[in-house]
Amino acid sequence: MRRRILWKFGDSMPIYGHLIIGVEGSGEVRIIVGFPVSAATVSFAKICGLNDESFGYDYQQCALAPEVYVSATDDEGFTIAYKNIPGVLEINYYVS
């Protein structure tokens, strides 16, 4: 079980994770972590290629530059928005 961060106690670490979603084009995905989120960061782990050789920003296989960012936080988690994803979105996230 993941615990909520209580900075005043100083005994819990921020939550981080890895997520793979089969999406295409643009849209939003809501991620529920089970506690109020005050801040969230998201970044690409792998993009565009569907094989193990295309890590990072492999724009040669993308028609447009892909984007991913946190669009909202709430009492149960956060929402990410993505644009120009060619089929698989693989991200890392960090939540506090």
PDB file of N, CA and C in Angstrom:
ATOM      1  N   MET A   1       0.839  -1.179   0.000  1.00  0.00           N
ATOM      2  CA  MET A   1       0.000   0.000   0.000  1.00  0.00           C
ATOM      3  C   MET A   1       0.884   1.242   0.000  1.00  0.00           C
ATOM      4  N   ARG A   2       0.529   2.202  -0.817  1.00  0.00           N
ATOM      5  CA  ARG A   2       1.271   3.449  -0.877  1.00  0.00           C
ATOM      6  C   ARG A   2       0.690   4.431   0.132  1.00  0.00           C
ATOM      7  N   ARG A   3       1.562   5.082   0.857  1.00  0.00           N
ATOM      8  CA  ARG A   3       1.105   6.042   1.860  1.00  0.00           C
ATOM      9  C   ARG A   3       1.101   7.451   1.301  1.00  0.00           C
ATOM     10  N   ARG A   4       0.255   8.280   1.846  1.00  0.00           N
ATOM     11  CA  ARG A   4       0.213   9.694   1.480  1.00  0.00           C
ATOM     12  C   ARG A   4       1.416  10.398   2.078  1.00  0.00           C
ATOM     13  N   ILE A   5       1.927  11.385   1.373  1.00  0.00           N
ATOM     14  CA  ILE A   5       3.073  12.135   1.854  1.00  0.00           C
ATOM     15  C   ILE A   5       2.627  13.107   2.934  1.00  0.00           C
ATOM     16  N   LEU A   6       3.244  13.048   4.079  1.00  0.00           N
ATOM     17  CA  LEU A   6       3.015  13.975   5.171  1.00  0.00           C
ATOM     18  C   LEU A   6       4.359  14.629   5.488  1.00  0.00           C
ATOM     19  N   TRP A   7       4.608  15.770   4.858  1.00  0.00           N
ATOM     20  CA  TRP A   7       5.914  16.409   4.991  1.00  0.00           C
ATOM     21  C   TRP A   7       6.236  16.776   6.432  1.00  0.00           C
ATOM     22  N   LYS A   8       5.223  17.098   7.243  1.00  0.00           N
ATOM     23  CA  LYS A   8       5.508  17.502   8.618  1.00  0.00           C
ATOM     24  C   LYS A   8       6.098  16.352   9.436  1.00  0.00           C
ATOM     25  N   PHE A   9       5.824  15.100   9.039  1.00  0.00           N
ATOM     26  CA  PHE A   9       6.412  13.956   9.719  1.00  0.00           C
ATOM     27  C   PHE A   9       7.753  13.558   9.098  1.00  0.00           C
ATOM     28  N   GLY A  10       7.947  13.888   7.846  1.00  0.00           N
ATOM     29  CA  GLY A  10       9.203  13.620   7.174  1.00  0.00           C
ATOM     30  C   GLY A  10       9.545  12.150   7.015  1.00  0.00           C
ATOM     31  N   ASP A  11       8.555  11.266   7.034  1.00  0.00           N
ATOM     32  CA  ASP A  11       8.862   9.840   6.999  1.00  0.00           C
ATOM     33  C   ASP A  11       8.342   9.125   5.767  1.00  0.00           C
ATOM     34  N   SER A  12       7.801   9.818   4.814  1.00  0.00           N
ATOM     35  CA  SER A  12       7.273   9.137   3.637  1.00  0.00           C
ATOM     36  C   SER A  12       7.839   9.751   2.361  1.00  0.00           C
ATOM     37  N   MET A  13       8.030   8.924   1.374  1.00  0.00           N
ATOM     38  CA  MET A  13       8.613   9.344   0.110  1.00  0.00           C
ATOM     39  C   MET A  13       7.519   9.682  -0.899  1.00  0.00           C
ATOM     40  N   PRO A  14       7.812  10.563  -1.855  1.00  0.00           N
ATOM     41  CA  PRO A  14       6.858  10.814  -2.944  1.00  0.00           C
ATOM     42  C   PRO A  14       6.638   9.543  -3.758  1.00  0.00           C
ATOM     43  N   ILE A  15       5.494   9.443  -4.389  1.00  0.00           N
ATOM     44  CA  ILE A  15       5.171   8.285  -5.223  1.00  0.00           C
ATOM     45  C   ILE A  15       5.708   8.519  -6.628  1.00  0.00           C
ATOM     46  N   TYR A  16       6.293   7.495  -7.192  1.00  0.00           N
ATOM     47  CA  TYR A  16       6.719   7.549  -8.584  1.00  0.00           C
ATOM     48  C   TYR A  16       6.222   6.282  -9.263  1.00  0.00           C
ATOM     49  N   GLY A  17       6.070   6.357 -10.559  1.00  0.00           N
ATOM     50  CA  GLY A  17       5.574   5.198 -11.275  1.00  0.00           C
ATOM     51  C   GLY A  17       5.899   5.239 -12.749  1.00  0.00           C
ATOM     52  N   HIS A  18       5.607   4.148 -13.395  1.00  0.00           N
ATOM     53  CA  HIS A  18       5.825   3.962 -14.826  1.00  0.00           C
ATOM     54  C   HIS A  18       4.505   3.474 -15.404  1.00  0.00           C
ATOM     55  N   LEU A  19       4.076   4.048 -16.505  1.00  0.00           N
ATOM     56  CA  LEU A  19       2.771   3.727 -17.069  1.00  0.00           C
ATOM     57  C   LEU A  19       2.876   3.576 -18.583  1.00  0.00           C
ATOM     58  N   ILE A  20       2.264   2.541 -19.113  1.00  0.00           N
ATOM     59  CA  ILE A  20       2.197   2.326 -20.559  1.00  0.00           C
ATOM     60  C   ILE A  20       0.724   2.316 -20.947  1.00  0.00           C
ATOM     61  N   ILE A  21       0.355   3.198 -21.882  1.00  0.00           N
ATOM     62  CA  ILE A  21      -1.045   3.336 -22.292  1.00  0.00           C
ATOM     63  C   ILE A  21      -1.117   3.240 -23.809  1.00  0.00           C
ATOM     64  N   GLY A  22      -2.027   2.468 -24.313  1.00  0.00           N
ATOM     65  CA  GLY A  22      -2.254   2.376 -25.752  1.00  0.00           C
ATOM     66  C   GLY A  22      -3.197   3.477 -26.198  1.00  0.00           C
ATOM     67  N   VAL A  23      -2.642   4.591 -26.640  1.00  0.00           N
ATOM     68  CA  VAL A  23      -3.447   5.724 -27.107  1.00  0.00           C
ATOM     69  C   VAL A  23      -2.889   6.219 -28.433  1.00  0.00           C
ATOM     70  N   GLU A  24      -3.686   6.983 -29.128  1.00  0.00           N
ATOM     71  CA  GLU A  24      -3.249   7.551 -30.392  1.00  0.00           C
ATOM     72  C   GLU A  24      -3.823   8.944 -30.538  1.00  0.00           C
ATOM     73  N   GLY A  25      -3.024   9.855 -31.069  1.00  0.00           N
ATOM     74  CA  GLY A  25      -3.494  11.216 -31.274  1.00  0.00           C
ATOM     75  C   GLY A  25      -3.363  12.065 -30.028  1.00  0.00           C
ATOM     76  N   SER A  26      -4.458  12.759 -29.662  1.00  0.00           N
ATOM     77  CA  SER A  26      -4.460  13.664 -28.519  1.00  0.00           C
ATOM     78  C   SER A  26      -5.594  13.313 -27.578  1.00  0.00           C
ATOM     79  N   GLY A  27      -5.428  13.669 -26.299  1.00  0.00           N
ATOM     80  CA  GLY A  27      -6.477  13.408 -25.316  1.00  0.00           C
ATOM     81  C   GLY A  27      -5.968  13.576 -23.905  1.00  0.00           C
ATOM     82  N   GLU A  28      -6.713  13.026 -22.951  1.00  0.00           N
ATOM     83  CA  GLU A  28      -6.353  13.106 -21.542  1.00  0.00           C
ATOM     84  C   GLU A  28      -6.551  11.747 -20.872  1.00  0.00           C
ATOM     85  N   VAL A  29      -5.760  11.504 -19.836  1.00  0.00           N
ATOM     86  CA  VAL A  29      -5.869  10.284 -19.039  1.00  0.00           C
ATOM     87  C   VAL A  29      -5.830  10.696 -17.572  1.00  0.00           C
ATOM     88  N   ARG A  30      -6.773  10.176 -16.780  1.00  0.00           N
ATOM     89  CA  ARG A  30      -6.797  10.457 -15.347  1.00  0.00           C
ATOM     90  C   ARG A  30      -6.122   9.313 -14.612  1.00  0.00           C
ATOM     91  N   ILE A  31      -5.205   9.648 -13.717  1.00  0.00           N
ATOM     92  CA  ILE A  31      -4.483   8.654 -12.929  1.00  0.00           C
ATOM     93  C   ILE A  31      -4.873   8.842 -11.474  1.00  0.00           C
ATOM     94  N   ILE A  32      -5.422   7.801 -10.858  1.00  0.00           N
ATOM     95  CA  ILE A  32      -5.872   7.859  -9.473  1.00  0.00           C
ATOM     96  C   ILE A  32      -4.811   7.230  -8.584  1.00  0.00           C
ATOM     97  N   VAL A  33      -4.334   8.005  -7.593  1.00  0.00           N
ATOM     98  CA  VAL A  33      -3.334   7.493  -6.651  1.00  0.00           C
ATOM     99  C   VAL A  33      -3.922   7.302  -5.255  1.00  0.00           C
ATOM    100  N   GLY A  34      -5.098   7.847  -4.989  1.00  0.00           N
ATOM    101  CA  GLY A  34      -5.788   7.592  -3.726  1.00  0.00           C
ATOM    102  C   GLY A  34      -5.590   8.618  -2.634  1.00  0.00           C
ATOM    103  N   PHE A  35      -4.978   9.756  -2.945  1.00  0.00           N
ATOM    104  CA  PHE A  35      -4.841  10.830  -1.964  1.00  0.00           C
ATOM    105  C   PHE A  35      -4.801  12.166  -2.700  1.00  0.00           C
ATOM    106  N   PRO A  36      -5.038  13.294  -2.005  1.00  0.00           N
ATOM    107  CA  PRO A  36      -4.974  14.599  -2.666  1.00  0.00           C
ATOM    108  C   PRO A  36      -3.561  14.877  -3.177  1.00  0.00           C
ATOM    109  N   VAL A  37      -3.461  15.245  -4.437  1.00  0.00           N
ATOM    110  CA  VAL A  37      -2.169  15.510  -5.068  1.00  0.00           C
ATOM    111  C   VAL A  37      -1.938  17.019  -5.098  1.00  0.00           C
ATOM    112  N   SER A  38      -0.805  17.440  -4.547  1.00  0.00           N
ATOM    113  CA  SER A  38      -0.482  18.862  -4.575  1.00  0.00           C
ATOM    114  C   SER A  38       0.406  19.211  -5.769  1.00  0.00           C
ATOM    115  N   ALA A  39       1.198  18.246  -6.253  1.00  0.00           N
ATOM    116  CA  ALA A  39       2.064  18.477  -7.403  1.00  0.00           C
ATOM    117  C   ALA A  39       2.334  17.151  -8.100  1.00  0.00           C
ATOM    118  N   ALA A  40       2.472  17.220  -9.416  1.00  0.00           N
ATOM    119  CA  ALA A  40       2.774  16.022 -10.202  1.00  0.00           C
ATOM    120  C   ALA A  40       3.660  16.421 -11.376  1.00  0.00           C
ATOM    121  N   THR A  41       4.559  15.519 -11.740  1.00  0.00           N
ATOM    122  CA  THR A  41       5.449  15.716 -12.880  1.00  0.00           C
ATOM    123  C   THR A  41       5.378  14.467 -13.743  1.00  0.00           C
ATOM    124  N   VAL A  42       5.372  14.666 -15.051  1.00  0.00           N
ATOM    125  CA  VAL A  42       5.317  13.534 -15.970  1.00  0.00           C
ATOM    126  C   VAL A  42       6.349  13.753 -17.077  1.00  0.00           C
ATOM    127  N   SER A  43       6.969  12.657 -17.543  1.00  0.00           N
ATOM    128  CA  SER A  43       7.943  12.750 -18.628  1.00  0.00           C
ATOM    129  C   SER A  43       7.873  11.486 -19.475  1.00  0.00           C
ATOM    130  N   PHE A  44       8.368  11.589 -20.700  1.00  0.00           N
ATOM    131  CA  PHE A  44       8.401  10.425 -21.575  1.00  0.00           C
ATOM    132  C   PHE A  44       9.436   9.420 -21.086  1.00  0.00           C
ATOM    133  N   ALA A  45       9.080   8.153 -21.113  1.00  0.00           N
ATOM    134  CA  ALA A  45      10.037   7.083 -20.854  1.00  0.00           C
ATOM    135  C   ALA A  45      10.512   6.502 -22.187  1.00  0.00           C
ATOM    136  N   LYS A  46       9.593   6.408 -23.124  1.00  0.00           N
ATOM    137  CA  LYS A  46       9.871   5.887 -24.467  1.00  0.00           C
ATOM    138  C   LYS A  46       8.819   6.504 -25.366  1.00  0.00           C
ATOM    139  N   ILE A  47       9.178   6.757 -26.590  1.00  0.00           N
ATOM    140  CA  ILE A  47       8.213   7.414 -27.453  1.00  0.00           C
ATOM    141  C   ILE A  47       8.379   6.999 -28.908  1.00  0.00           C
ATOM    142  N   CYS A  48       7.291   6.943 -29.599  1.00  0.00           N
ATOM    143  CA  CYS A  48       7.179   6.713 -31.041  1.00  0.00           C
ATOM    144  C   CYS A  48       7.439   5.287 -31.477  1.00  0.00           C
ATOM    145  N   GLY A  49       8.596   4.738 -31.204  1.00  0.00           N
ATOM    146  CA  GLY A  49       8.884   3.390 -31.668  1.00  0.00           C
ATOM    147  C   GLY A  49       8.215   2.346 -30.800  1.00  0.00           C
ATOM    148  N   LEU A  50       7.828   1.259 -31.386  1.00  0.00           N
ATOM    149  CA  LEU A  50       7.208   0.193 -30.630  1.00  0.00           C
ATOM    150  C   LEU A  50       8.203  -0.923 -30.322  1.00  0.00           C
ATOM    151  N   ASN A  51       9.476  -0.676 -30.581  1.00  0.00           N
ATOM    152  CA  ASN A  51      10.495  -1.673 -30.273  1.00  0.00           C
ATOM    153  C   ASN A  51      11.436  -1.131 -29.200  1.00  0.00           C
ATOM    154  N   ASP A  52      12.333  -1.954 -28.720  1.00  0.00           N
ATOM    155  CA  ASP A  52      13.222  -1.573 -27.630  1.00  0.00           C
ATOM    156  C   ASP A  52      14.357  -0.655 -28.059  1.00  0.00           C
ATOM    157  N   GLU A  53      14.508  -0.408 -29.348  1.00  0.00           N
ATOM    158  CA  GLU A  53      15.630   0.387 -29.819  1.00  0.00           C
ATOM    159  C   GLU A  53      15.336   1.881 -29.857  1.00  0.00           C
ATOM    160  N   SER A  54      14.085   2.300 -29.730  1.00  0.00           N
ATOM    161  CA  SER A  54      13.765   3.722 -29.871  1.00  0.00           C
ATOM    162  C   SER A  54      13.455   4.341 -28.510  1.00  0.00           C
ATOM    163  N   PHE A  55      14.483   4.692 -27.792  1.00  0.00           N
ATOM    164  CA  PHE A  55      14.332   5.380 -26.517  1.00  0.00           C
ATOM    165  C   PHE A  55      14.468   6.877 -26.736  1.00  0.00           C
ATOM    166  N   GLY A  56      13.877   7.651 -25.865  1.00  0.00           N
ATOM    167  CA  GLY A  56      13.999   9.098 -25.949  1.00  0.00           C
ATOM    168  C   GLY A  56      13.105   9.674 -27.022  1.00  0.00           C
ATOM    169  N   TYR A  57      13.532  10.767 -27.582  1.00  0.00           N
ATOM    170  CA  TYR A  57      12.733  11.477 -28.572  1.00  0.00           C
ATOM    171  C   TYR A  57      13.141  11.051 -29.970  1.00  0.00           C
ATOM    172  N   ASP A  58      12.490  10.059 -30.496  1.00  0.00           N
ATOM    173  CA  ASP A  58      12.791   9.520 -31.808  1.00  0.00           C
ATOM    174  C   ASP A  58      11.841  10.159 -32.820  1.00  0.00           C
ATOM    175  N   TYR A  59      12.135  11.406 -33.205  1.00  0.00           N
ATOM    176  CA  TYR A  59      11.237  12.158 -34.081  1.00  0.00           C
ATOM    177  C   TYR A  59      11.205  11.616 -35.511  1.00  0.00           C
ATOM    178  N   GLN A  60      12.141  10.784 -35.889  1.00  0.00           N
ATOM    179  CA  GLN A  60      12.146  10.255 -37.246  1.00  0.00           C
ATOM    180  C   GLN A  60      10.905   9.413 -37.520  1.00  0.00           C
ATOM    181  N   GLN A  61      10.328   8.805 -36.490  1.00  0.00           N
ATOM    182  CA  GLN A  61       9.140   7.979 -36.675  1.00  0.00           C
ATOM    183  C   GLN A  61       7.853   8.748 -36.385  1.00  0.00           C
ATOM    184  N   CYS A  62       7.960  10.003 -35.991  1.00  0.00           N
ATOM    185  CA  CYS A  62       6.774  10.793 -35.640  1.00  0.00           C
ATOM    186  C   CYS A  62       6.500  11.852 -36.697  1.00  0.00           C
ATOM    187  N   ALA A  63       5.244  12.043 -37.038  1.00  0.00           N
ATOM    188  CA  ALA A  63       4.873  13.080 -37.979  1.00  0.00           C
ATOM    189  C   ALA A  63       4.979  14.456 -37.319  1.00  0.00           C
ATOM    190  N   LEU A  64       4.510  14.587 -36.078  1.00  0.00           N
ATOM    191  CA  LEU A  64       4.574  15.836 -35.317  1.00  0.00           C
ATOM    192  C   LEU A  64       5.245  15.561 -33.977  1.00  0.00           C
ATOM    193  N   ALA A  65       5.839  16.580 -33.391  1.00  0.00           N
ATOM    194  CA  ALA A  65       6.505  16.410 -32.096  1.00  0.00           C
ATOM    195  C   ALA A  65       5.479  16.057 -31.025  1.00  0.00           C
ATOM    196  N   PRO A  66       5.651  14.945 -30.325  1.00  0.00           N
ATOM    197  CA  PRO A  66       4.713  14.544 -29.277  1.00  0.00           C
ATOM    198  C   PRO A  66       4.887  15.392 -28.013  1.00  0.00           C
ATOM    199  N   GLU A  67       3.804  15.519 -27.246  1.00  0.00           N
ATOM    200  CA  GLU A  67       3.814  16.283 -26.004  1.00  0.00           C
ATOM    201  C   GLU A  67       3.066  15.512 -24.936  1.00  0.00           C
ATOM    202  N   VAL A  68       3.482  15.696 -23.676  1.00  0.00           N
ATOM    203  CA  VAL A  68       2.763  15.157 -22.534  1.00  0.00           C
ATOM    204  C   VAL A  68       2.996  16.102 -21.360  1.00  0.00           C
ATOM    205  N   TYR A  69       1.935  16.394 -20.598  1.00  0.00           N
ATOM    206  CA  TYR A  69       2.056  17.291 -19.448  1.00  0.00           C
ATOM    207  C   TYR A  69       0.907  17.040 -18.476  1.00  0.00           C
ATOM    208  N   VAL A  70       1.088  17.479 -17.234  1.00  0.00           N
ATOM    209  CA  VAL A  70       0.042  17.373 -16.215  1.00  0.00           C
ATOM    210  C   VAL A  70      -0.924  18.534 -16.428  1.00  0.00           C
ATOM    211  N   SER A  71      -2.197  18.219 -16.645  1.00  0.00           N
ATOM    212  CA  SER A  71      -3.182  19.269 -16.893  1.00  0.00           C
ATOM    213  C   SER A  71      -3.995  19.621 -15.660  1.00  0.00           C
ATOM    214  N   ALA A  72      -4.078  18.720 -14.658  1.00  0.00           N
ATOM    215  CA  ALA A  72      -4.865  19.011 -13.449  1.00  0.00           C
ATOM    216  C   ALA A  72      -4.471  18.059 -12.327  1.00  0.00           C
ATOM    217  N   THR A  73      -4.678  18.529 -11.101  1.00  0.00           N
ATOM    218  CA  THR A  73      -4.549  17.680  -9.916  1.00  0.00           C
ATOM    219  C   THR A  73      -5.842  17.794  -9.122  1.00  0.00           C
ATOM    220  N   ASP A  74      -6.162  16.765  -8.344  1.00  0.00           N
ATOM    221  CA  ASP A  74      -7.396  16.814  -7.553  1.00  0.00           C
ATOM    222  C   ASP A  74      -7.244  15.990  -6.277  1.00  0.00           C
ATOM    223  N   ASP A  75      -8.356  15.684  -5.626  1.00  0.00           N
ATOM    224  CA  ASP A  75      -8.336  14.984  -4.342  1.00  0.00           C
ATOM    225  C   ASP A  75      -8.029  13.496  -4.436  1.00  0.00           C
ATOM    226  N   GLU A  76      -8.017  12.939  -5.635  1.00  0.00           N
ATOM    227  CA  GLU A  76      -7.751  11.509  -5.788  1.00  0.00           C
ATOM    228  C   GLU A  76      -6.569  11.187  -6.679  1.00  0.00           C
ATOM    229  N   GLY A  77      -6.068  12.161  -7.413  1.00  0.00           N
ATOM    230  CA  GLY A  77      -4.972  11.885  -8.328  1.00  0.00           C
ATOM    231  C   GLY A  77      -4.660  13.071  -9.216  1.00  0.00           C
ATOM    232  N   PHE A  78      -4.345  12.786 -10.477  1.00  0.00           N
ATOM    233  CA  PHE A  78      -4.007  13.851 -11.420  1.00  0.00           C
ATOM    234  C   PHE A  78      -4.387  13.425 -12.833  1.00  0.00           C
ATOM    235  N   THR A  79      -4.403  14.392 -13.722  1.00  0.00           N
ATOM    236  CA  THR A  79      -4.766  14.163 -15.121  1.00  0.00           C
ATOM    237  C   THR A  79      -3.605  14.589 -15.996  1.00  0.00           C
ATOM    238  N   ILE A  80      -3.258  13.742 -16.963  1.00  0.00           N
ATOM    239  CA  ILE A  80      -2.238  14.120 -17.939  1.00  0.00           C
ATOM    240  C   ILE A  80      -2.905  14.345 -19.288  1.00  0.00           C
ATOM    241  N   ALA A  81      -2.357  15.286 -20.033  1.00  0.00           N
ATOM    242  CA  ALA A  81      -2.812  15.546 -21.397  1.00  0.00           C
ATOM    243  C   ALA A  81      -1.684  15.148 -22.340  1.00  0.00           C
ATOM    244  N   TYR A  82      -2.050  14.605 -23.482  1.00  0.00           N
ATOM    245  CA  TYR A  82      -1.044  14.195 -24.462  1.00  0.00           C
ATOM    246  C   TYR A  82      -1.477  14.670 -25.842  1.00  0.00           C
ATOM    247  N   LYS A  83      -0.482  14.891 -26.711  1.00  0.00           N
ATOM    248  CA  LYS A  83      -0.734  15.332 -28.092  1.00  0.00           C
ATOM    249  C   LYS A  83       0.223  14.601 -29.028  1.00  0.00           C
ATOM    250  N   ASN A  84      -0.264  14.266 -30.201  1.00  0.00           N
ATOM    251  CA  ASN A  84       0.545  13.692 -31.283  1.00  0.00           C
ATOM    252  C   ASN A  84       1.222  12.379 -30.897  1.00  0.00           C
ATOM    253  N   ILE A  85       0.514  11.509 -30.186  1.00  0.00           N
ATOM    254  CA  ILE A  85       1.055  10.216 -29.791  1.00  0.00           C
ATOM    255  C   ILE A  85       0.697   9.199 -30.879  1.00  0.00           C
ATOM    256  N   PRO A  86       1.670   8.444 -31.383  1.00  0.00           N
ATOM    257  CA  PRO A  86       1.429   7.560 -32.522  1.00  0.00           C
ATOM    258  C   PRO A  86       0.877   6.173 -32.206  1.00  0.00           C
ATOM    259  N   GLY A  87       0.599   5.836 -30.968  1.00  0.00           N
ATOM    260  CA  GLY A  87       0.038   4.512 -30.702  1.00  0.00           C
ATOM    261  C   GLY A  87       0.277   3.997 -29.301  1.00  0.00           C
ATOM    262  N   VAL A  88       1.430   4.295 -28.732  1.00  0.00           N
ATOM    263  CA  VAL A  88       1.748   3.858 -27.374  1.00  0.00           C
ATOM    264  C   VAL A  88       2.391   5.022 -26.631  1.00  0.00           C
ATOM    265  N   LEU A  89       1.837   5.348 -25.470  1.00  0.00           N
ATOM    266  CA  LEU A  89       2.389   6.389 -24.616  1.00  0.00           C
ATOM    267  C   LEU A  89       3.033   5.716 -23.417  1.00  0.00           C
ATOM    268  N   GLU A  90       4.327   5.882 -23.246  1.00  0.00           N
ATOM    269  CA  GLU A  90       5.042   5.298 -22.119  1.00  0.00           C
ATOM    270  C   GLU A  90       5.663   6.429 -21.316  1.00  0.00           C
ATOM    271  N   ILE A  91       5.210   6.594 -20.066  1.00  0.00           N
ATOM    272  CA  ILE A  91       5.623   7.731 -19.261  1.00  0.00           C
ATOM    273  C   ILE A  91       6.128   7.293 -17.878  1.00  0.00           C
ATOM    274  N   ASN A  92       6.875   8.196 -17.270  1.00  0.00           N
ATOM    275  CA  ASN A  92       7.233   8.108 -15.862  1.00  0.00           C
ATOM    276  C   ASN A  92       6.554   9.273 -15.165  1.00  0.00           C
ATOM    277  N   TYR A  93       6.077   9.058 -13.932  1.00  0.00           N
ATOM    278  CA  TYR A  93       5.469  10.164 -13.184  1.00  0.00           C
ATOM    279  C   TYR A  93       5.970  10.190 -11.752  1.00  0.00           C
ATOM    280  N   TYR A  94       5.863  11.382 -11.160  1.00  0.00           N
ATOM    281  CA  TYR A  94       6.343  11.651  -9.803  1.00  0.00           C
ATOM    282  C   TYR A  94       5.257  12.497  -9.137  1.00  0.00           C
ATOM    283  N   VAL A  95       4.725  12.051  -8.003  1.00  0.00           N
ATOM    284  CA  VAL A  95       3.570  12.706  -7.386  1.00  0.00           C
ATOM    285  C   VAL A  95       3.884  13.028  -5.935  1.00  0.00           C
ATOM    286  N   SER A  96       3.491  14.225  -5.498  1.00  0.00           N
ATOM    287  CA  SER A  96       3.589  14.589  -4.085  1.00  0.00           C
ATOM    288  C   SER A  96       2.324  15.284  -3.633  1.00  0.00           C
TER     289      SER A  96
END
